[in-house]
Amino acid sequence: MAWLYRPLHGIPPETMAIHHLTEADFGPETPVCTPGHLHAALAQGAPADILVAHNCEFERKFITKATTGTIPWICTWKVALHVWPDAPRHGNQVLRYWRGLVLDPALAMPPHRAGPDAWVTAHLLGELLKETSVEQMIAWTNAPRHMPVITFGMHKGSAWSALPLDYLQWMAQQATMDADAVWHAKQEIARRA
C-alpha cells in the first residue's frame, strides 16, 4: 500500500531532483504528513512484528519511536554492509542490480519513491534472509554500521588498526564527525589499550 502526503515544510529543489515530486503533484485534498497519519498508516491491518527500511536512520527522522513503540527495525543497508562487504556500493538500487534481482517494473519503478523503494527493499530482505537470521539483522541494525576501513580523509581505505593513534584520538574528540566513524575510532583506541 502507498499513500501520498503533503510534506510539512514544502519540497526543496534538491529533494524534487531525487523523487521528481513537485508541489503540483499535491492537490488541496492531499493530507499533510503528520505523526498521527503515520501512526494510523502503521496501525492498518495486523500489527507489525518488525519494520524494515534500507536506511533506518533516515526513516526514523519521520517515523519516530512515538509512532512505532517497541517494534524493532531492520536496516537492510547496515545488514548488507556485513553480508555483502564486496558489493560495489550498498545503495538500494545498486544492490538490486548487483544481486541480479529481476523485479516487475510496475512495482519497482520509479526509484526514490516510497512504494517502489519498499518493493526493492523487500526483495533485498529476502536475499539477506538467505544469509543471516532476523535476530542478527536486528542486532546489526542497533549497532554502529560496519566499517572495516576508514571511508574518508587522508587515511581513506586504511584498516582502523593501521591508523596512527594521534589521528584516532583526534577523531574520538570530534562532536560533528560521523558518529559511527567516531565509535570505530574509540573501539580501536580501546583495543590498543
Foldseek 3Di string as FASTA:
>chain_A
DDADAQEPPAADPVLCVQVVDHPVNDDPPHHHQDQVVLLVVCPPDDHDQEAEDQAVVVVCVRNPCVRNPPRFYFHLLLLCCVQPVPQPHRDLVSVCVVVPPDDDCVQQDDPPDVRNSVVSRVVSVVVSVVPDPPVVRSVSVPAQGDDQADCDDPRHPHGLLPDDLVVLVVLCPDPPDDPSSNVSSVVNNVVVD
